[in-house]
N, C-alpha and C. Protein backbone atom coordinates (compact mmCIF):
# COMPACT_ATOMS: atom_id res chain seq x y z
N MET A 1 107.73 116.45 112.60
CA MET A 1 108.28 115.95 111.24
C MET A 1 107.87 114.37 111.40
N ILE A 2 107.42 113.83 110.05
CA ILE A 2 107.31 112.40 110.10
C ILE A 2 108.03 111.77 108.89
N ILE A 3 108.66 110.64 109.16
CA ILE A 3 109.40 110.02 108.13
C ILE A 3 108.58 108.66 107.85
N GLN A 4 108.55 108.36 106.57
CA GLN A 4 107.88 107.07 106.16
C GLN A 4 108.26 106.70 104.77
N THR A 5 107.86 105.56 104.45
CA THR A 5 107.99 105.17 103.17
C THR A 5 106.91 105.75 102.16
N ILE A 6 107.25 106.03 101.07
CA ILE A 6 106.34 106.71 100.14
C ILE A 6 106.34 105.93 98.67
N THR A 7 105.47 106.43 97.81
CA THR A 7 105.54 105.87 96.49
C THR A 7 106.69 106.54 95.57
N TRP A 8 107.03 105.99 94.54
CA TRP A 8 108.07 106.59 93.70
C TRP A 8 107.24 107.78 93.12
N GLN A 9 106.03 107.78 92.87
CA GLN A 9 105.35 109.04 92.23
C GLN A 9 105.43 110.10 93.25
N GLN A 10 105.51 109.98 94.56
CA GLN A 10 105.53 110.98 95.49
C GLN A 10 106.89 111.81 95.54
N THR A 11 108.00 110.88 94.99
CA THR A 11 109.30 111.45 95.13
C THR A 11 109.42 112.57 94.00
N LEU A 12 108.67 112.51 92.98
CA LEU A 12 108.94 113.16 91.71
C LEU A 12 108.82 114.77 91.92
N PRO A 13 107.82 115.31 92.69
CA PRO A 13 108.00 116.76 92.82
C PRO A 13 109.18 117.30 93.47
N VAL A 14 109.73 116.78 94.39
CA VAL A 14 111.07 117.00 95.05
C VAL A 14 112.10 116.80 94.11
N ARG A 15 112.38 115.82 93.59
CA ARG A 15 113.38 115.45 92.77
C ARG A 15 113.30 116.52 91.71
N GLN A 16 112.24 116.88 91.00
CA GLN A 16 112.14 117.85 89.86
C GLN A 16 112.49 119.09 90.46
N ALA A 17 112.21 119.69 91.61
CA ALA A 17 112.54 120.94 92.10
C ALA A 17 113.89 121.05 92.52
N VAL A 18 114.62 120.02 92.96
CA VAL A 18 115.87 120.09 93.34
C VAL A 18 116.79 119.62 92.52
N ILE A 19 116.66 118.51 91.78
CA ILE A 19 117.64 118.02 90.92
C ILE A 19 117.52 118.25 89.49
N TRP A 20 116.43 118.54 89.02
CA TRP A 20 116.21 118.79 87.59
C TRP A 20 115.12 119.88 87.48
N PRO A 21 115.29 121.05 87.86
CA PRO A 21 114.33 122.06 87.92
C PRO A 21 113.94 122.39 86.49
N ASN A 22 114.69 122.18 85.51
CA ASN A 22 114.42 122.67 84.14
C ASN A 22 113.79 121.54 83.27
N LYS A 23 113.54 120.38 83.95
CA LYS A 23 112.93 119.25 83.25
C LYS A 23 111.54 119.11 83.67
N PRO A 24 110.73 118.49 82.92
CA PRO A 24 109.29 118.10 83.31
C PRO A 24 109.44 117.00 84.39
N GLU A 25 108.33 117.05 85.24
CA GLU A 25 108.25 116.05 86.48
C GLU A 25 108.60 114.52 85.91
N ILE A 26 108.04 114.17 84.91
CA ILE A 26 108.09 112.81 84.50
C ILE A 26 109.65 112.38 84.08
N PHE A 27 110.33 113.39 83.73
CA PHE A 27 111.86 113.13 83.49
C PHE A 27 112.58 112.55 84.60
N CYS A 28 112.02 112.99 85.76
CA CYS A 28 112.79 112.69 87.09
C CYS A 28 112.27 111.13 87.50
N GLN A 29 111.55 110.40 86.79
CA GLN A 29 111.51 108.98 87.05
C GLN A 29 112.49 108.24 86.41
N VAL A 30 112.97 107.20 87.08
CA VAL A 30 114.09 106.29 86.48
C VAL A 30 113.51 104.83 86.50
N GLU A 31 114.16 104.17 85.68
CA GLU A 31 113.78 102.68 85.45
C GLU A 31 113.55 101.88 86.81
N GLU A 32 114.46 102.02 87.69
CA GLU A 32 114.49 101.22 88.88
C GLU A 32 113.48 101.58 89.98
N ASP A 33 112.77 102.82 89.75
CA ASP A 33 111.92 103.23 90.67
C ASP A 33 110.78 102.25 90.95
N ARG A 34 110.14 101.56 90.14
CA ARG A 34 109.17 100.68 90.54
C ARG A 34 109.50 99.48 91.36
N GLU A 35 110.67 99.10 91.50
CA GLU A 35 111.10 97.99 92.20
C GLU A 35 111.97 98.56 93.56
N SER A 36 111.93 99.77 93.82
CA SER A 36 112.79 100.25 94.77
C SER A 36 111.89 100.81 96.05
N THR A 37 112.64 101.05 96.98
CA THR A 37 112.11 101.76 98.12
C THR A 37 112.35 103.22 98.36
N HIS A 38 111.29 103.94 98.64
CA HIS A 38 111.24 105.42 98.57
C HIS A 38 110.72 105.82 99.95
N TYR A 39 111.72 106.95 100.56
CA TYR A 39 111.33 107.42 101.82
C TYR A 39 111.07 108.96 101.63
N GLY A 40 110.12 109.39 102.39
CA GLY A 40 109.97 110.90 102.55
C GLY A 40 109.86 111.33 103.88
N ALA A 41 110.28 112.71 104.02
CA ALA A 41 110.22 113.32 105.36
C ALA A 41 109.04 114.49 105.12
N PHE A 42 108.00 114.37 105.89
CA PHE A 42 106.95 115.35 105.92
C PHE A 42 107.19 116.37 107.06
N PHE A 43 106.87 117.57 106.47
CA PHE A 43 106.80 118.67 107.45
C PHE A 43 105.67 119.44 107.25
N ASP A 44 104.81 119.72 108.10
CA ASP A 44 103.48 120.32 107.96
C ASP A 44 102.83 119.73 106.82
N ASN A 45 102.63 118.30 106.87
CA ASN A 45 101.90 117.52 105.78
C ASN A 45 102.45 117.65 104.39
N ARG A 46 103.57 118.07 104.27
CA ARG A 46 104.22 118.24 102.93
C ARG A 46 105.44 117.46 102.76
N ILE A 47 105.84 116.72 101.68
CA ILE A 47 107.05 116.00 101.59
C ILE A 47 108.12 116.98 101.19
N VAL A 48 108.97 117.29 101.93
CA VAL A 48 110.14 118.17 101.79
C VAL A 48 111.39 117.48 101.53
N THR A 49 111.65 116.23 101.74
CA THR A 49 112.98 115.53 101.57
C THR A 49 112.68 114.14 101.31
N VAL A 50 113.32 113.59 100.14
CA VAL A 50 113.06 112.10 99.58
C VAL A 50 114.37 111.58 99.47
N ALA A 51 114.33 110.36 99.41
CA ALA A 51 115.54 109.36 99.25
C ALA A 51 114.87 108.23 98.63
N SER A 52 115.71 107.60 97.69
CA SER A 52 115.29 106.38 96.93
C SER A 52 116.46 105.38 97.20
N LEU A 53 116.15 104.11 97.40
CA LEU A 53 116.98 102.97 97.68
C LEU A 53 116.80 101.92 96.79
N TYR A 54 118.01 101.50 96.20
CA TYR A 54 118.00 100.42 95.25
C TYR A 54 118.98 99.41 95.70
N ALA A 55 118.23 98.17 95.93
CA ALA A 55 118.99 97.09 96.46
C ALA A 55 119.54 96.07 95.61
N LYS A 56 120.82 95.46 95.94
CA LYS A 56 121.35 94.48 94.89
C LYS A 56 122.15 93.58 96.02
N THR A 57 121.92 92.22 95.81
CA THR A 57 122.60 91.18 96.47
C THR A 57 123.51 90.55 95.48
N ILE A 58 124.76 90.45 95.69
CA ILE A 58 125.80 89.74 94.87
C ILE A 58 126.62 88.80 95.93
N ASN A 59 126.68 87.62 95.57
CA ASN A 59 127.55 86.69 96.42
C ASN A 59 127.26 86.90 97.85
N GLY A 60 125.89 86.88 98.16
CA GLY A 60 125.43 86.97 99.50
C GLY A 60 125.49 88.18 100.28
N ILE A 61 126.12 89.20 99.60
CA ILE A 61 126.24 90.57 100.06
C ILE A 61 125.31 91.64 99.72
N CYS A 62 124.32 92.12 100.74
CA CYS A 62 123.31 92.92 100.22
C CYS A 62 123.75 94.47 100.43
N ARG A 63 123.91 95.04 99.21
CA ARG A 63 124.26 96.60 99.17
C ARG A 63 123.07 97.37 98.77
N VAL A 64 122.82 98.41 99.27
CA VAL A 64 121.70 99.18 98.86
C VAL A 64 122.24 100.64 98.54
N ARG A 65 121.91 100.98 97.41
CA ARG A 65 122.36 102.31 96.84
C ARG A 65 121.29 103.55 97.17
N LEU A 66 121.96 104.44 97.68
CA LEU A 66 121.10 105.76 98.02
C LEU A 66 121.08 106.56 96.70
N ARG A 67 119.93 106.91 96.14
CA ARG A 67 120.03 107.74 95.11
C ARG A 67 118.93 108.79 95.15
N TYR A 68 118.94 109.95 94.46
CA TYR A 68 118.05 111.12 94.44
C TYR A 68 117.67 111.50 95.89
N PHE A 69 118.57 111.70 96.62
CA PHE A 69 118.38 112.18 98.01
C PHE A 69 118.35 113.59 97.82
N ALA A 70 117.16 114.34 98.17
CA ALA A 70 116.89 115.62 97.97
C ALA A 70 116.05 116.32 98.95
N SER A 71 116.34 117.59 99.34
CA SER A 71 115.57 118.39 100.13
C SER A 71 115.21 119.72 99.41
N LEU A 72 113.85 120.04 99.53
CA LEU A 72 113.42 121.31 98.99
C LEU A 72 114.38 122.45 99.66
N ALA A 73 114.75 123.49 98.77
CA ALA A 73 115.70 124.44 99.26
C ALA A 73 115.32 124.95 100.69
N GLU A 74 114.19 125.39 100.92
CA GLU A 74 113.85 125.98 102.34
C GLU A 74 113.89 125.08 103.44
N TYR A 75 114.11 123.74 103.13
CA TYR A 75 114.12 122.80 104.24
C TYR A 75 115.56 122.24 104.26
N GLN A 76 116.60 122.83 103.57
CA GLN A 76 118.03 122.23 103.75
C GLN A 76 118.71 122.86 104.88
N LYS A 77 119.73 122.14 105.35
CA LYS A 77 120.61 122.58 106.33
C LYS A 77 120.01 122.75 107.74
N ILE A 78 118.76 122.14 107.92
CA ILE A 78 118.23 122.22 109.43
C ILE A 78 118.02 120.73 109.91
N GLY A 79 118.66 119.86 109.34
CA GLY A 79 118.69 118.60 110.00
C GLY A 79 117.72 117.60 109.61
N ILE A 80 116.72 117.87 108.67
CA ILE A 80 115.83 116.91 108.14
C ILE A 80 116.46 115.71 107.40
N GLY A 81 117.46 116.12 106.53
CA GLY A 81 118.09 115.11 105.73
C GLY A 81 118.93 114.16 106.59
N ASN A 82 119.59 114.66 107.56
CA ASN A 82 120.32 113.83 108.50
C ASN A 82 119.28 112.90 109.10
N LYS A 83 118.19 113.44 109.79
CA LYS A 83 117.24 112.54 110.24
C LYS A 83 116.73 111.36 109.45
N LEU A 84 116.45 111.92 108.11
CA LEU A 84 115.94 110.81 107.18
C LEU A 84 117.02 109.81 106.97
N ILE A 85 118.30 110.15 106.71
CA ILE A 85 119.27 109.17 106.54
C ILE A 85 119.41 108.22 107.82
N GLN A 86 119.37 108.85 109.03
CA GLN A 86 119.40 108.08 110.24
C GLN A 86 118.30 106.91 110.43
N HIS A 87 117.06 107.32 109.79
CA HIS A 87 115.92 106.63 109.82
C HIS A 87 116.11 105.29 108.87
N ILE A 88 116.73 105.77 107.74
CA ILE A 88 117.02 104.75 106.65
C ILE A 88 118.11 103.61 107.23
N ILE A 89 119.06 104.19 107.76
CA ILE A 89 120.03 103.26 108.40
C ILE A 89 119.50 102.39 109.49
N THR A 90 118.57 102.89 110.22
CA THR A 90 118.04 102.02 111.23
C THR A 90 117.14 100.91 110.53
N ASP A 91 116.34 101.22 109.52
CA ASP A 91 115.58 100.39 108.78
C ASP A 91 116.40 99.14 108.14
N LEU A 92 117.54 99.78 107.48
CA LEU A 92 118.36 98.77 106.89
C LEU A 92 119.10 97.74 107.61
N LYS A 93 119.48 98.19 108.85
CA LYS A 93 120.23 97.36 109.86
C LYS A 93 119.15 96.31 110.32
N ALA A 94 117.91 96.67 110.48
CA ALA A 94 116.89 95.64 110.81
C ALA A 94 116.59 94.59 109.73
N GLN A 95 116.83 95.12 108.46
CA GLN A 95 116.80 94.18 107.38
C GLN A 95 117.87 93.37 107.10
N GLU A 96 119.01 93.53 107.83
CA GLU A 96 120.25 92.93 107.78
C GLU A 96 120.87 93.25 106.31
N VAL A 97 120.75 94.43 105.98
CA VAL A 97 121.53 94.87 104.87
C VAL A 97 122.99 95.01 105.38
N ASP A 98 123.82 94.70 104.32
CA ASP A 98 125.28 94.88 104.69
C ASP A 98 125.89 96.32 104.50
N TYR A 99 125.51 97.03 103.42
CA TYR A 99 126.11 98.18 103.08
C TYR A 99 125.12 99.10 102.54
N LEU A 100 125.25 100.33 102.88
CA LEU A 100 124.56 101.54 102.35
C LEU A 100 125.58 102.29 101.45
N TRP A 101 125.50 102.69 100.25
CA TRP A 101 126.36 103.49 99.49
C TRP A 101 125.79 104.45 98.61
N CYS A 102 126.47 105.54 98.17
CA CYS A 102 125.96 106.48 97.25
C CYS A 102 127.17 107.13 96.50
N ASP A 103 126.85 107.64 95.52
CA ASP A 103 127.81 108.73 94.85
C ASP A 103 127.60 109.97 95.29
N SER A 104 128.44 110.65 96.10
CA SER A 104 128.19 111.84 96.83
C SER A 104 128.90 113.05 96.03
N PRO A 105 128.00 114.11 95.86
CA PRO A 105 128.81 115.31 95.36
C PRO A 105 129.85 115.70 96.26
N LYS A 106 130.90 116.16 95.76
CA LYS A 106 131.89 116.55 96.57
C LYS A 106 131.64 117.56 97.77
N PHE A 107 130.72 118.44 97.39
CA PHE A 107 130.31 119.45 98.40
C PHE A 107 129.48 118.81 99.59
N ALA A 108 129.00 117.65 99.22
CA ALA A 108 128.19 116.96 100.55
C ALA A 108 129.03 115.95 101.22
N LEU A 109 130.36 115.78 101.00
CA LEU A 109 131.17 114.64 101.62
C LEU A 109 131.16 114.80 103.18
N LEU A 110 131.27 116.03 103.83
CA LEU A 110 131.23 116.11 105.23
C LEU A 110 129.90 115.57 105.72
N PHE A 111 128.83 115.80 105.15
CA PHE A 111 127.60 115.49 105.48
C PHE A 111 127.63 113.85 105.73
N TYR A 112 128.10 113.27 104.71
CA TYR A 112 128.24 111.71 104.80
C TYR A 112 129.28 111.23 105.75
N LYS A 113 130.20 111.89 105.93
CA LYS A 113 131.42 111.47 106.77
C LYS A 113 130.87 111.52 108.28
N LYS A 114 130.14 112.68 108.56
CA LYS A 114 129.64 112.82 109.94
C LYS A 114 128.56 111.71 110.20
N LEU A 115 127.99 110.97 109.35
CA LEU A 115 127.17 109.81 109.48
C LEU A 115 127.99 108.50 109.53
N GLY A 116 129.17 108.60 109.35
CA GLY A 116 130.03 107.39 109.34
C GLY A 116 130.44 106.73 108.28
N PHE A 117 130.01 107.39 107.02
CA PHE A 117 130.40 106.83 105.70
C PHE A 117 131.89 107.17 105.50
N LYS A 118 132.38 106.22 104.72
CA LYS A 118 133.84 106.17 104.26
C LYS A 118 133.89 106.31 102.72
N VAL A 119 134.98 106.95 102.35
CA VAL A 119 135.33 107.14 100.90
C VAL A 119 135.84 105.96 100.22
N TYR A 120 135.32 105.54 99.08
CA TYR A 120 135.85 104.25 98.48
C TYR A 120 136.38 104.98 96.95
N GLY A 121 137.54 104.65 96.62
CA GLY A 121 138.08 105.05 95.23
C GLY A 121 138.49 106.57 95.08
N GLU A 122 138.55 106.96 93.91
CA GLU A 122 139.04 108.37 93.55
C GLU A 122 137.81 109.23 93.30
N GLU A 123 138.02 110.44 93.17
CA GLU A 123 137.12 111.40 92.72
C GLU A 123 136.76 111.35 91.24
N PHE A 124 135.59 111.49 90.78
CA PHE A 124 135.19 111.39 89.47
C PHE A 124 134.22 112.45 89.12
N LEU A 125 134.00 112.66 87.81
CA LEU A 125 133.11 113.64 87.26
C LEU A 125 131.71 113.07 86.85
N LYS A 126 130.63 113.82 87.21
CA LYS A 126 129.24 113.48 86.67
C LYS A 126 128.73 114.81 86.23
N GLN A 127 128.41 114.88 84.88
CA GLN A 127 128.04 116.06 84.38
C GLN A 127 128.81 117.29 84.78
N GLY A 128 130.19 116.99 84.77
CA GLY A 128 131.12 118.19 85.03
C GLY A 128 131.44 118.41 86.57
N GLU A 129 130.64 117.84 87.39
CA GLU A 129 130.72 118.04 88.86
C GLU A 129 131.62 116.79 89.47
N PRO A 130 132.38 117.27 90.43
CA PRO A 130 133.20 116.24 91.18
C PRO A 130 132.22 115.34 92.16
N PHE A 131 132.44 114.16 92.08
CA PHE A 131 131.85 113.19 93.04
C PHE A 131 132.96 112.28 93.68
N LEU A 132 132.32 111.60 94.74
CA LEU A 132 133.00 110.41 95.40
C LEU A 132 132.17 109.42 95.90
N THR A 133 132.49 108.09 95.73
CA THR A 133 131.59 107.00 96.12
C THR A 133 131.86 106.87 97.61
N VAL A 134 130.93 106.97 98.41
CA VAL A 134 130.81 106.72 99.87
C VAL A 134 130.02 105.53 100.38
N TYR A 135 130.45 104.88 101.25
CA TYR A 135 129.72 103.63 101.84
C TYR A 135 129.67 103.73 103.38
N LEU A 136 128.75 102.92 103.89
CA LEU A 136 128.39 102.62 105.28
C LEU A 136 128.39 101.23 105.62
N LYS A 137 129.26 100.57 106.38
CA LYS A 137 129.01 99.29 106.75
C LYS A 137 127.78 99.19 107.85
N LEU A 138 126.89 98.26 107.57
CA LEU A 138 125.85 98.25 108.41
C LEU A 138 125.78 97.00 109.20
N ASN A 139 126.23 95.83 108.64
CA ASN A 139 126.10 94.53 109.29
C ASN A 139 127.43 93.62 109.43
N ARG A 140 127.54 92.98 108.34
CA ARG A 140 128.46 91.78 108.24
C ARG A 140 129.93 92.47 107.92
N ILE A 141 130.84 91.44 108.11
CA ILE A 141 132.24 91.77 108.03
C ILE A 141 132.83 91.76 106.67
N GLN A 142 132.26 91.32 105.59
CA GLN A 142 132.81 91.14 104.17
C GLN A 142 133.21 92.58 103.68
N SER A 143 134.01 92.60 102.72
CA SER A 143 134.58 93.67 102.26
C SER A 143 133.45 94.36 101.25
N PHE A 144 133.26 95.55 101.25
CA PHE A 144 132.34 96.27 100.39
C PHE A 144 132.52 95.95 98.92
N PHE A 145 133.66 95.91 98.34
CA PHE A 145 133.87 95.75 96.91
C PHE A 145 134.46 94.38 96.54
N ASN A 146 134.47 93.57 97.56
CA ASN A 146 135.08 92.29 97.10
C ASN A 146 134.07 91.22 96.71
N LEU A 147 134.12 91.11 95.40
CA LEU A 147 133.19 90.37 94.57
C LEU A 147 133.97 89.04 94.17
């Protein structure tokens, strides 16, 4: 398995297959894609897992949001996603990013907790599904939501 940065265009087939299977591939592009960093995990020269990172610095605190983290069905629950997130965490620490965060589907909460993420706030609904905001402190001491 190889993990590396990829283009936003390379994320689209996996996003479409996993997140929006009933939509055209171009629907899976979001406005922030062009200015964001994207990672892919390759297995047998095929991108099987993707993740997109959207950075924002406010009051000197750099927070990176993980979005559109998805693995093709046949590559789920075998550790590829875990390795991709660990790779991303290592890269972000080297870049002195303060926090990594995402809105996690409730069913995936244990995955993030095992990686050291903490829950912030209350459960909420996205398209009728329960989600929780989770975050991981990477570097500095400041409070994640203290603006």
